[in-house]
Amino acid sequence: MSDYFVHESSYVDEDVIIGKNTKVWHFCHIQKGARIGENCSFGQNVNVSNNVIIGNGCKVQNNVSIYEGVELKDYVFCGPSMVFTNDLTPRAKYPKGPLGYKKTILNTGSTVGANATIVCGHNLGKWCMVASGAVVTKDVPDYALYAGVPAKQIGWVCECGNILDENLECSCKRKYKKGSNGLIKR
């Protein structure tokens, strides 16, 4: 008996590692070589492509495909129907395969809202937040709040998810200061 749950309607290919207490719900497909951490949750109709690495405590909502070349660090949240890409110039007749995929990393605690798109080759900083419907076309700094098409920074967010005030302080009492890649905790 395994120490994780996979719904009977889902498929898990060979050579997959799924961590303890992870739950894979209805109509999902976890493809060969995927590595998934502990305490993750995958909603209905999630596809995890070949060789994708997913950290601990990640939550992937319904209808998300995580393509080869995308990596989720710990505690990443992917909202319903958000989209990843892995090829900037795809052609059906001229597939590039894994060597042509652009790497995309979502760092610890980052959040992507429903129906947002992350264009490949761009990384999301720690604890950043991308608003629903946004289209990310450049790297997102740590703790930054991005929204719009194309997405641009509209503020800063706390690790807890609240928007920071003008002093970079949160109602939860966490305080931040500017760093080389966004904010850092004070």
Protein backbone atom coordinates (compact mmCIF):
# COMPACT_ATOMS: atom_id res chain seq x y z
CA MET A 1 0.00 0.00 0.00
CA SER A 2 1.35 3.43 -0.96
CA ASP A 3 1.58 6.43 1.35
CA TYR A 4 -0.02 8.73 -1.24
CA PHE A 5 -3.43 8.76 -2.97
CA VAL A 6 -4.15 8.45 -6.71
CA HIS A 7 -7.80 8.40 -7.82
CA GLU A 8 -8.72 5.34 -9.90
CA SER A 9 -9.51 7.53 -12.94
CA SER A 10 -5.93 8.87 -13.06
CA TYR A 11 -2.83 7.45 -14.75
CA VAL A 12 0.66 7.29 -13.30
CA ASP A 13 3.38 6.17 -15.73
CA GLU A 14 6.43 4.10 -14.80
CA ASP A 15 9.49 5.72 -13.22
CA VAL A 16 7.48 8.30 -11.25
CA ILE A 17 8.14 9.30 -7.65
CA ILE A 18 5.22 10.63 -5.59
CA GLY A 19 5.85 11.81 -2.03
CA LYS A 20 4.05 10.92 1.16
CA ASN A 21 0.54 12.36 1.71
CA THR A 22 0.27 13.68 -1.86
CA LYS A 23 -3.18 13.45 -3.45
CA VAL A 24 -3.81 13.06 -7.19
CA TRP A 25 -7.51 13.53 -7.94
CA HIS A 26 -9.77 12.69 -10.92
CA PHE A 27 -8.59 12.36 -14.53
CA CYS A 28 -4.94 13.29 -13.96
CA HIS A 29 -1.87 11.99 -15.80
CA ILE A 30 1.56 11.89 -14.18
CA GLN A 31 4.09 11.12 -16.92
CA LYS A 32 7.35 9.19 -16.91
CA GLY A 33 10.22 10.62 -14.91
CA ALA A 34 8.10 13.08 -12.89
CA ARG A 35 9.28 13.72 -9.35
CA ILE A 36 6.63 15.00 -6.92
CA GLY A 37 7.24 15.94 -3.29
CA GLU A 38 5.26 15.32 -0.14
CA ASN A 39 1.92 16.86 0.87
CA CYS A 40 0.99 18.05 -2.62
CA SER A 41 -2.51 18.20 -4.10
CA PHE A 42 -3.43 17.88 -7.78
CA GLY A 43 -7.00 18.79 -8.71
CA GLN A 44 -9.09 17.31 -11.50
CA ASN A 45 -7.58 17.03 -15.00
CA VAL A 46 -3.97 17.93 -14.14
CA ASN A 47 -1.17 16.77 -16.43
CA VAL A 48 2.40 16.54 -15.13
CA SER A 49 4.67 15.99 -18.13
CA ASN A 50 7.82 13.91 -18.44
CA ASN A 51 10.68 14.72 -16.08
CA VAL A 52 8.90 17.58 -14.27
CA ILE A 53 10.12 18.27 -10.72
CA ILE A 54 7.62 19.45 -8.10
CA GLY A 55 8.59 20.28 -4.51
CA ASN A 56 6.77 19.69 -1.24
CA GLY A 57 3.45 21.25 -0.27
CA CYS A 58 2.46 22.38 -3.77
CA LYS A 59 -1.19 22.83 -4.73
CA VAL A 60 -2.13 22.53 -8.41
CA GLN A 61 -5.78 23.32 -9.10
CA ASN A 62 -8.02 21.85 -11.84
CA ASN A 63 -7.09 21.89 -15.54
CA VAL A 64 -3.38 22.73 -15.26
CA SER A 65 -0.70 21.17 -17.47
CA ILE A 66 2.85 21.37 -16.13
CA TYR A 67 5.06 20.88 -19.17
CA GLU A 68 8.59 19.54 -19.36
CA GLY A 69 11.01 22.34 -18.52
CA VAL A 70 8.82 23.73 -15.72
CA GLU A 71 9.91 23.23 -12.11
CA LEU A 72 7.88 24.04 -8.99
CA LYS A 73 9.81 24.58 -5.75
CA ASP A 74 8.13 24.06 -2.35
CA TYR A 75 4.68 25.55 -1.54
CA VAL A 76 3.85 26.77 -5.04
CA PHE A 77 0.16 27.41 -5.81
CA CYS A 78 -1.14 27.07 -9.38
CA GLY A 79 -4.68 28.40 -9.75
CA PRO A 80 -7.41 26.78 -11.86
CA SER A 81 -6.75 26.63 -15.61
CA MET A 82 -3.51 28.63 -15.43
CA VAL A 83 -1.15 27.93 -18.34
CA PHE A 84 2.54 27.14 -18.74
CA THR A 85 4.38 27.11 -22.05
CA ASN A 86 7.74 25.51 -22.81
CA ASP A 87 8.52 26.57 -26.41
CA LEU A 88 8.62 30.20 -27.58
CA THR A 89 8.19 29.35 -31.28
CA PRO A 90 6.32 26.04 -31.57
CA ARG A 91 5.54 24.43 -34.91
CA ALA A 92 3.58 21.21 -35.30
CA LYS A 93 5.69 20.21 -38.32
CA TYR A 94 9.04 21.02 -36.65
CA PRO A 95 8.95 19.88 -33.02
CA LYS A 96 12.09 20.76 -31.07
CA GLY A 97 11.73 18.24 -28.26
CA PRO A 98 13.20 18.66 -24.77
CA LEU A 99 16.42 20.27 -26.01
CA GLY A 100 14.39 23.18 -27.39
CA TYR A 101 12.30 23.77 -24.25
CA LYS A 102 12.89 26.91 -22.19
CA LYS A 103 13.32 26.37 -18.44
CA THR A 104 10.80 28.03 -16.11
CA ILE A 105 11.19 27.95 -12.33
CA LEU A 106 8.52 28.91 -9.81
CA ASN A 107 10.41 29.56 -6.60
CA THR A 108 9.29 28.75 -3.07
CA GLY A 109 5.84 30.00 -2.15
CA SER A 110 5.01 31.65 -5.47
CA THR A 111 1.35 31.87 -6.46
CA VAL A 112 -0.21 31.99 -9.93
CA GLY A 113 -3.88 32.97 -10.16
CA ALA A 114 -6.62 31.35 -12.24
CA ASN A 115 -6.27 31.62 -16.02
CA ALA A 116 -2.88 33.35 -15.84
CA THR A 117 -0.21 32.42 -18.39
CA ILE A 118 3.51 32.02 -17.65
CA VAL A 119 5.50 32.36 -20.88
CA CYS A 120 8.45 29.96 -20.77
CA GLY A 121 11.95 31.08 -19.89
CA HIS A 122 10.75 33.41 -17.12
CA ASN A 123 11.16 32.65 -13.44
CA LEU A 124 8.88 33.58 -10.56
CA GLY A 125 10.53 34.81 -7.36
CA LYS A 126 9.95 33.53 -3.85
CA TRP A 127 6.51 34.30 -2.41
CA CYS A 128 5.51 36.43 -5.41
CA MET A 129 1.92 36.58 -6.60
CA VAL A 130 0.63 36.67 -10.18
CA ALA A 131 -2.97 37.86 -10.49
CA SER A 132 -5.69 35.92 -12.26
CA GLY A 133 -5.63 36.40 -16.03
CA ALA A 134 -2.15 37.95 -16.10
CA VAL A 135 0.37 37.08 -18.82
CA VAL A 136 3.93 36.90 -17.47
CA THR A 137 6.53 37.82 -20.12
CA LYS A 138 9.51 38.57 -17.84
CA ASP A 139 10.99 37.40 -14.54
CA VAL A 140 8.99 38.28 -11.42
CA PRO A 141 10.99 39.45 -8.34
CA ASP A 142 10.65 37.95 -4.85
CA TYR A 143 7.43 39.10 -3.09
CA ALA A 144 6.27 41.13 -6.13
CA LEU A 145 2.60 41.41 -7.07
CA TYR A 146 2.11 41.24 -10.86
CA ALA A 147 -1.09 41.79 -12.86
CA GLY A 148 -2.24 42.63 -16.38
CA VAL A 149 -1.44 41.79 -20.00
CA PRO A 150 1.48 41.86 -20.24
CA ALA A 151 1.94 41.53 -16.50
CA LYS A 152 3.64 44.35 -14.64
CA GLN A 153 4.34 45.00 -11.00
CA ILE A 154 1.52 46.70 -9.10
CA GLY A 155 2.77 46.19 -5.53
CA TRP A 156 4.40 43.89 -3.03
CA VAL A 157 2.97 40.95 -1.07
CA CYS A 158 3.82 39.32 2.23
CA GLU A 159 4.67 35.67 2.63
CA CYS A 160 1.17 35.31 4.12
CA GLY A 161 -0.39 36.72 0.92
CA ASN A 162 -1.47 40.17 2.16
CA ILE A 163 -0.52 43.28 0.20
CA LEU A 164 2.23 45.25 1.93
CA ASP A 165 1.82 48.90 2.91
CA GLU A 166 4.08 51.74 1.72
CA ASN A 167 6.58 50.90 4.52
CA LEU A 168 6.79 47.30 3.23
CA GLU A 169 5.06 46.05 6.36
CA CYS A 170 2.17 43.60 6.68
CA SER A 171 -0.74 43.49 9.09
CA CYS A 172 0.64 40.08 10.19
CA LYS A 173 3.69 42.00 11.57
CA ARG A 174 6.22 40.79 9.00
CA LYS A 175 8.51 43.54 7.70
CA TYR A 176 10.55 43.67 4.50
CA LYS A 177 13.24 45.73 2.81
CA LYS A 178 14.44 45.97 -0.76
CA GLY A 179 17.00 43.38 -1.86
CA SER A 180 18.81 42.50 -5.07
CA ASN A 181 15.91 40.38 -6.43
CA GLY A 182 12.85 42.04 -4.93
CA LEU A 183 12.25 42.08 -1.18
CA ILE A 184 13.85 40.31 1.76
CA LYS A 185 12.55 39.94 5.31
CA ARG A 186 13.84 42.40 7.91
